[in-house]
Amino acid sequence: MMQSVHTRPHSWIEHVFSAKAVQRGAVIRRSVAWVEHEIGRDRFVAEVRARDFHLLESGGQFIVICSRAPIRRLV
């Protein structure tokens, strides 16, 4: 079992969403298992939604597109 780094969900969220990639509107990736352990899936989805970002899940990873611009799947 993974050891929680952040004892409070708020500090974990602040840490993740203060990354330079987020500020640039780039992409961040986090392990689904880690997110579920740290703050839970529902809370993470709510935080992404509150920022109007896009969230994908694939291969045990959450992929957050840190942009409010529309996305278009090409393939």
N, C-alpha and C. Protein backbone atom coordinates (compact mmCIF):
# COMPACT_ATOMS: atom_id res chain seq x y z
N MET A 1 0.84 -1.18 0.00
CA MET A 1 0.00 0.00 0.00
C MET A 1 0.88 1.25 0.00
N MET A 2 0.49 2.24 -0.81
CA MET A 2 1.27 3.47 -0.88
C MET A 2 1.09 4.30 0.39
N GLN A 3 2.14 4.96 0.80
CA GLN A 3 2.10 5.86 1.95
C GLN A 3 1.67 7.25 1.48
N SER A 4 0.69 7.82 2.17
CA SER A 4 0.22 9.16 1.80
C SER A 4 1.29 10.20 2.11
N VAL A 5 1.59 11.03 1.14
CA VAL A 5 2.56 12.12 1.31
C VAL A 5 1.88 13.31 1.96
N HIS A 6 0.65 13.57 1.59
CA HIS A 6 -0.09 14.73 2.05
C HIS A 6 -1.18 14.28 3.01
N THR A 7 -1.17 14.82 4.21
CA THR A 7 -2.15 14.42 5.21
C THR A 7 -3.48 15.13 5.01
N ARG A 8 -3.47 16.22 4.26
CA ARG A 8 -4.72 16.96 4.00
C ARG A 8 -4.95 17.03 2.50
N PRO A 9 -6.16 16.70 2.07
CA PRO A 9 -6.45 16.75 0.63
C PRO A 9 -6.19 18.13 0.02
N HIS A 10 -6.49 19.19 0.75
CA HIS A 10 -6.30 20.54 0.21
C HIS A 10 -4.83 20.77 -0.17
N SER A 11 -3.89 20.36 0.67
CA SER A 11 -2.48 20.58 0.36
C SER A 11 -2.05 19.73 -0.84
N TRP A 12 -2.59 18.53 -0.98
CA TRP A 12 -2.28 17.68 -2.12
C TRP A 12 -2.77 18.35 -3.40
N ILE A 13 -4.00 18.84 -3.38
CA ILE A 13 -4.58 19.51 -4.55
C ILE A 13 -3.76 20.74 -4.93
N GLU A 14 -3.41 21.55 -3.94
CA GLU A 14 -2.60 22.74 -4.20
C GLU A 14 -1.26 22.36 -4.82
N HIS A 15 -0.66 21.30 -4.33
CA HIS A 15 0.63 20.83 -4.85
C HIS A 15 0.50 20.42 -6.33
N VAL A 16 -0.50 19.61 -6.64
CA VAL A 16 -0.68 19.12 -8.00
C VAL A 16 -0.99 20.25 -8.97
N PHE A 17 -1.90 21.12 -8.59
CA PHE A 17 -2.35 22.16 -9.51
C PHE A 17 -1.51 23.43 -9.48
N SER A 18 -0.41 23.40 -8.76
CA SER A 18 0.53 24.52 -8.80
C SER A 18 1.74 24.20 -9.67
N ALA A 19 1.74 23.04 -10.29
CA ALA A 19 2.86 22.63 -11.16
C ALA A 19 3.01 23.62 -12.31
N LYS A 20 4.23 23.81 -12.77
CA LYS A 20 4.50 24.73 -13.87
C LYS A 20 3.73 24.35 -15.13
N ALA A 21 3.56 23.05 -15.35
CA ALA A 21 2.81 22.59 -16.53
C ALA A 21 1.37 23.10 -16.48
N VAL A 22 0.79 23.14 -15.31
CA VAL A 22 -0.58 23.64 -15.17
C VAL A 22 -0.63 25.11 -15.54
N GLN A 23 0.34 25.87 -15.05
CA GLN A 23 0.37 27.30 -15.32
C GLN A 23 0.56 27.60 -16.81
N ARG A 24 1.25 26.70 -17.51
CA ARG A 24 1.49 26.88 -18.95
C ARG A 24 0.34 26.37 -19.80
N GLY A 25 -0.63 25.72 -19.18
CA GLY A 25 -1.73 25.15 -19.94
C GLY A 25 -1.36 23.85 -20.61
N ALA A 26 -0.36 23.18 -20.07
CA ALA A 26 0.12 21.92 -20.65
C ALA A 26 -0.67 20.74 -20.07
N VAL A 27 -0.05 19.58 -20.05
CA VAL A 27 -0.68 18.34 -19.61
C VAL A 27 0.03 17.83 -18.37
N ILE A 28 -0.74 17.33 -17.40
CA ILE A 28 -0.15 16.63 -16.27
C ILE A 28 -0.74 15.22 -16.23
N ARG A 29 0.01 14.32 -15.66
CA ARG A 29 -0.39 12.91 -15.60
C ARG A 29 -0.19 12.43 -14.18
N ARG A 30 -1.16 11.71 -13.65
CA ARG A 30 -1.06 11.16 -12.31
C ARG A 30 -1.62 9.75 -12.31
N SER A 31 -1.03 8.88 -11.54
CA SER A 31 -1.50 7.51 -11.38
C SER A 31 -2.89 7.51 -10.74
N VAL A 32 -3.81 6.73 -11.33
CA VAL A 32 -5.15 6.62 -10.78
C VAL A 32 -5.07 6.08 -9.35
N ALA A 33 -4.25 5.06 -9.12
CA ALA A 33 -4.13 4.48 -7.78
C ALA A 33 -3.65 5.51 -6.76
N TRP A 34 -2.68 6.33 -7.17
CA TRP A 34 -2.14 7.35 -6.27
C TRP A 34 -3.20 8.40 -5.94
N VAL A 35 -3.93 8.85 -6.97
CA VAL A 35 -4.99 9.84 -6.75
C VAL A 35 -6.05 9.27 -5.82
N GLU A 36 -6.46 8.04 -6.08
CA GLU A 36 -7.48 7.43 -5.23
C GLU A 36 -7.01 7.30 -3.79
N HIS A 37 -5.75 7.02 -3.61
CA HIS A 37 -5.19 6.90 -2.26
C HIS A 37 -5.09 8.25 -1.57
N GLU A 38 -4.67 9.26 -2.30
CA GLU A 38 -4.43 10.58 -1.70
C GLU A 38 -5.71 11.36 -1.42
N ILE A 39 -6.60 11.46 -2.41
CA ILE A 39 -7.79 12.29 -2.21
C ILE A 39 -9.09 11.64 -2.69
N GLY A 40 -8.99 10.56 -3.44
CA GLY A 40 -10.18 9.91 -3.98
C GLY A 40 -10.51 10.42 -5.37
N ARG A 41 -11.06 9.52 -6.15
CA ARG A 41 -11.40 9.81 -7.55
C ARG A 41 -12.42 10.95 -7.65
N ASP A 42 -13.48 10.89 -6.86
CA ASP A 42 -14.55 11.89 -6.97
C ASP A 42 -14.02 13.30 -6.68
N ARG A 43 -13.19 13.42 -5.68
CA ARG A 43 -12.64 14.74 -5.34
C ARG A 43 -11.74 15.25 -6.45
N PHE A 44 -10.93 14.37 -7.03
CA PHE A 44 -10.04 14.77 -8.12
C PHE A 44 -10.85 15.24 -9.33
N VAL A 45 -11.86 14.47 -9.69
CA VAL A 45 -12.70 14.83 -10.83
C VAL A 45 -13.35 16.19 -10.56
N ALA A 46 -13.82 16.40 -9.36
CA ALA A 46 -14.45 17.69 -9.00
C ALA A 46 -13.46 18.84 -9.13
N GLU A 47 -12.21 18.63 -8.71
CA GLU A 47 -11.19 19.68 -8.80
C GLU A 47 -10.85 20.01 -10.24
N VAL A 48 -10.76 18.99 -11.08
CA VAL A 48 -10.49 19.22 -12.51
C VAL A 48 -11.67 19.96 -13.13
N ARG A 49 -12.86 19.51 -12.82
CA ARG A 49 -14.08 20.15 -13.36
C ARG A 49 -14.17 21.62 -12.91
N ALA A 50 -13.85 21.90 -11.66
CA ALA A 50 -13.92 23.26 -11.13
C ALA A 50 -12.99 24.21 -11.88
N ARG A 51 -11.90 23.67 -12.42
CA ARG A 51 -10.94 24.48 -13.17
C ARG A 51 -11.29 24.54 -14.65
N ASP A 52 -12.32 23.81 -15.05
CA ASP A 52 -12.74 23.74 -16.45
C ASP A 52 -11.68 23.10 -17.33
N PHE A 53 -10.89 22.18 -16.78
CA PHE A 53 -9.89 21.45 -17.54
C PHE A 53 -10.53 20.18 -18.09
N HIS A 54 -9.78 19.44 -18.88
CA HIS A 54 -10.23 18.19 -19.47
C HIS A 54 -9.52 17.04 -18.78
N LEU A 55 -10.24 15.93 -18.54
CA LEU A 55 -9.67 14.78 -17.84
C LEU A 55 -9.90 13.52 -18.66
N LEU A 56 -8.82 12.79 -18.87
CA LEU A 56 -8.86 11.50 -19.55
C LEU A 56 -8.32 10.44 -18.60
N GLU A 57 -8.72 9.20 -18.80
CA GLU A 57 -8.16 8.07 -18.04
C GLU A 57 -7.77 6.98 -19.01
N SER A 58 -6.54 6.51 -18.89
CA SER A 58 -6.05 5.45 -19.76
C SER A 58 -4.86 4.76 -19.11
N GLY A 59 -4.84 3.45 -19.18
CA GLY A 59 -3.70 2.69 -18.70
C GLY A 59 -3.33 2.96 -17.25
N GLY A 60 -4.32 3.17 -16.40
CA GLY A 60 -4.04 3.41 -14.99
C GLY A 60 -3.54 4.81 -14.70
N GLN A 61 -3.70 5.72 -15.66
CA GLN A 61 -3.26 7.10 -15.49
C GLN A 61 -4.42 8.06 -15.73
N PHE A 62 -4.42 9.14 -14.97
CA PHE A 62 -5.28 10.28 -15.26
C PHE A 62 -4.43 11.25 -16.06
N ILE A 63 -4.97 11.75 -17.14
CA ILE A 63 -4.29 12.75 -17.95
C ILE A 63 -5.16 14.00 -17.90
N VAL A 64 -4.58 15.08 -17.39
CA VAL A 64 -5.31 16.33 -17.28
C VAL A 64 -4.77 17.31 -18.30
N ILE A 65 -5.63 17.78 -19.16
CA ILE A 65 -5.27 18.81 -20.12
C ILE A 65 -5.64 20.13 -19.45
N CYS A 66 -4.63 20.87 -19.07
CA CYS A 66 -4.81 22.07 -18.25
C CYS A 66 -5.10 23.29 -19.10
N SER A 67 -6.16 23.18 -19.85
CA SER A 67 -6.60 24.25 -20.73
C SER A 67 -8.12 24.23 -20.79
N ARG A 68 -8.69 25.40 -20.90
CA ARG A 68 -10.15 25.50 -21.04
C ARG A 68 -10.58 25.45 -22.50
N ALA A 69 -9.62 25.47 -23.40
CA ALA A 69 -9.94 25.45 -24.84
C ALA A 69 -10.56 24.10 -25.22
N PRO A 70 -11.42 24.10 -26.21
CA PRO A 70 -12.00 22.84 -26.68
C PRO A 70 -10.91 21.89 -27.15
N ILE A 71 -11.17 20.60 -27.04
CA ILE A 71 -10.25 19.60 -27.56
C ILE A 71 -10.95 18.82 -28.67
N ARG A 72 -10.14 18.25 -29.52
CA ARG A 72 -10.66 17.45 -30.63
C ARG A 72 -9.83 16.19 -30.72
N ARG A 73 -10.48 15.06 -30.60
CA ARG A 73 -9.79 13.78 -30.73
C ARG A 73 -9.58 13.48 -32.20
N LEU A 74 -8.34 13.25 -32.59
CA LEU A 74 -8.01 13.02 -33.99
C LEU A 74 -8.03 11.55 -34.36
N VAL A 75 -7.67 10.70 -33.45
CA VAL A 75 -7.64 9.26 -33.74
C VAL A 75 -8.23 8.52 -32.57
